[in-house]
């Protein structure tokens, strides 16, 4: 993303940010779970779902509210308010929209190469969820 300016990323459709953020979060969760010890892939998948499902992401973004900057809150709001073109299959619409805001934030930080802040937020998620125990 070296040739993309931060001002361009700011203008991206929040759905694009969420698309990237979803992948970033999925990789982080999978890496976290694997780092805790070798487990069967089917068990890893079941544990990962507990983190990546819309309801869990919606709860997480609510818990992170006090840790986010105004800029980050704006990205979450834009993602949450983005027009939804399809109904989620396994989530209620409010959770889905909040999860989209969460993913948009992760995508925004990733695309802007703000890895320190991205990792700070992801590690806060570990602390908040109690997964570091």
Protein backbone atom coordinates (compact mmCIF):
# COMPACT_ATOMS: atom_id res chain seq x y z
CA UNK A 1 0.00 0.00 0.00
CA UNK A 2 3.04 2.24 -0.25
CA UNK A 3 1.63 4.34 -3.09
CA UNK A 4 -1.73 5.00 -1.41
CA UNK A 5 -1.94 8.23 0.55
CA UNK A 6 -3.62 8.34 3.96
CA UNK A 7 -6.05 10.94 2.59
CA UNK A 8 -7.11 8.41 -0.07
CA UNK A 9 -7.64 5.71 2.55
CA UNK A 10 -9.75 8.14 4.60
CA UNK A 11 -12.11 8.34 1.62
CA UNK A 12 -12.44 4.58 1.08
CA UNK A 13 -15.89 3.12 1.38
CA UNK A 14 -16.19 1.74 4.94
CA UNK A 15 -17.15 -1.64 3.46
CA UNK A 16 -13.70 -1.80 1.83
CA UNK A 17 -12.03 -0.99 5.14
CA UNK A 18 -14.13 -3.67 6.85
CA UNK A 19 -13.25 -6.19 4.12
CA UNK A 20 -9.55 -5.72 4.88
CA UNK A 21 -10.14 -5.48 8.64
CA UNK A 22 -12.00 -8.79 8.65
CA UNK A 23 -8.94 -10.51 7.20
CA UNK A 24 -6.57 -8.76 9.61
CA UNK A 25 -8.67 -9.78 12.61
CA UNK A 26 -9.14 -13.36 11.39
CA UNK A 27 -5.38 -13.78 10.98
CA UNK A 28 -4.71 -12.25 14.39
CA UNK A 29 -7.23 -14.53 16.12
CA UNK A 30 -5.94 -17.63 14.37
CA UNK A 31 -2.34 -16.74 15.24
CA UNK A 32 -3.30 -16.12 18.86
CA UNK A 33 -5.07 -19.45 19.17
CA UNK A 34 -2.27 -21.42 17.51
CA UNK A 35 0.30 -19.73 19.77
CA UNK A 36 -1.48 -21.15 22.80
CA UNK A 37 -0.47 -24.67 21.78
CA UNK A 38 -1.09 -27.25 19.17
CA UNK A 39 -4.74 -28.19 18.95
CA UNK A 40 -6.85 -29.90 16.32
CA UNK A 41 -7.88 -27.57 13.50
CA UNK A 42 -11.57 -28.25 14.13
CA UNK A 43 -11.18 -27.11 17.75
CA UNK A 44 -9.21 -24.04 16.66
CA UNK A 45 -11.99 -23.15 14.26
CA UNK A 46 -14.65 -23.42 16.97
CA UNK A 47 -12.61 -21.18 19.28
CA UNK A 48 -11.96 -18.67 16.49
CA UNK A 49 -15.68 -18.36 15.82
CA UNK A 50 -16.17 -17.17 19.39
CA UNK A 51 -13.98 -14.14 18.53
CA UNK A 52 -14.94 -13.40 14.96
CA UNK A 53 -18.71 -13.71 15.07
CA UNK A 54 -20.55 -10.41 14.75
CA UNK A 55 -21.93 -10.44 18.30
CA UNK A 56 -18.45 -10.85 19.80
CA UNK A 57 -17.02 -8.09 17.61
CA UNK A 58 -19.91 -5.78 18.49
CA UNK A 59 -19.30 -6.36 22.20
CA UNK A 60 -15.56 -5.81 21.73
CA UNK A 61 -15.92 -2.47 19.95
CA UNK A 62 -18.24 -1.29 22.73
CA UNK A 63 -15.65 -2.26 25.36
CA UNK A 64 -12.90 -0.49 23.40
CA UNK A 65 -14.83 2.79 23.18
CA UNK A 66 -12.86 4.50 25.99
CA UNK A 67 -9.52 3.51 24.44
CA UNK A 68 -10.20 4.90 20.96
CA UNK A 69 -9.18 8.29 19.67
CA UNK A 70 -11.75 10.61 18.12
CA UNK A 71 -10.40 9.69 14.66
CA UNK A 72 -10.81 5.98 15.41
CA UNK A 73 -14.32 6.49 16.79
CA UNK A 74 -15.19 8.28 13.55
CA UNK A 75 -13.99 5.32 11.47
CA UNK A 76 -16.03 2.94 13.65
CA UNK A 77 -19.09 5.19 13.25
CA UNK A 78 -18.65 5.36 9.48
CA UNK A 79 -18.35 1.58 9.31
CA UNK A 80 -21.35 1.07 11.56
CA UNK A 81 -23.48 3.47 9.51
CA UNK A 82 -22.45 2.13 6.11
CA UNK A 83 -25.33 0.99 3.95
CA UNK A 84 -25.92 -2.75 4.29
CA UNK A 85 -26.70 -4.44 0.99
CA UNK A 86 -27.46 -7.87 2.40
CA UNK A 87 -28.90 -9.28 5.57
CA UNK A 88 -26.45 -11.17 7.76
CA UNK A 89 -27.18 -14.89 8.02
CA UNK A 90 -26.11 -15.60 11.58
CA UNK A 91 -26.27 -12.22 13.29
CA UNK A 92 -28.73 -9.58 14.23
CA UNK A 93 -28.48 -6.42 12.13
CA UNK A 94 -27.35 -4.16 14.99
CA UNK A 95 -24.51 -6.52 15.94
CA UNK A 96 -23.56 -6.87 12.28
CA UNK A 97 -23.33 -3.09 11.85
CA UNK A 98 -21.24 -2.67 15.01
CA UNK A 99 -18.96 -5.50 13.88
CA UNK A 100 -18.56 -3.78 10.52
CA UNK A 101 -17.45 -0.64 12.36
CA UNK A 102 -14.92 -2.68 14.33
CA UNK A 103 -13.55 -4.31 11.17
CA UNK A 104 -13.43 -0.94 9.38
CA UNK A 105 -11.21 0.40 12.17
CA UNK A 106 -8.80 -2.53 11.90
CA UNK A 107 -8.70 -2.17 8.11
CA UNK A 108 -8.11 1.56 8.37
CA UNK A 109 -5.19 1.13 10.75
CA UNK A 110 -3.71 -1.64 8.65
CA UNK A 111 -3.96 0.24 5.35
CA UNK A 112 -2.43 3.32 6.96
CA UNK A 113 0.48 1.15 8.14
CA UNK A 114 -0.25 2.10 11.75
CA UNK A 115 0.87 -1.29 12.99
CA UNK A 116 1.83 -0.13 16.49
CA UNK A 117 -1.68 1.18 17.11
CA UNK A 118 -3.27 -1.84 15.43
CA UNK A 119 -1.31 -4.20 17.68
CA UNK A 120 -2.11 -2.06 20.73
CA UNK A 121 -5.83 -2.42 20.02
CA UNK A 122 -5.55 -6.13 19.28
CA UNK A 123 -3.67 -6.69 22.54
CA UNK A 124 -6.33 -4.72 24.41
CA UNK A 125 -8.81 -7.21 22.98
CA UNK A 126 -6.80 -10.05 24.50
CA UNK A 127 -6.82 -8.30 27.88
CA UNK A 128 -10.52 -7.47 27.74
CA UNK A 129 -11.51 -10.97 26.64
CA UNK A 130 -9.35 -12.65 29.27
CA UNK A 131 -7.60 -14.73 26.60
CA UNK A 132 -4.18 -13.89 28.00
CA UNK A 133 -4.72 -16.20 30.96
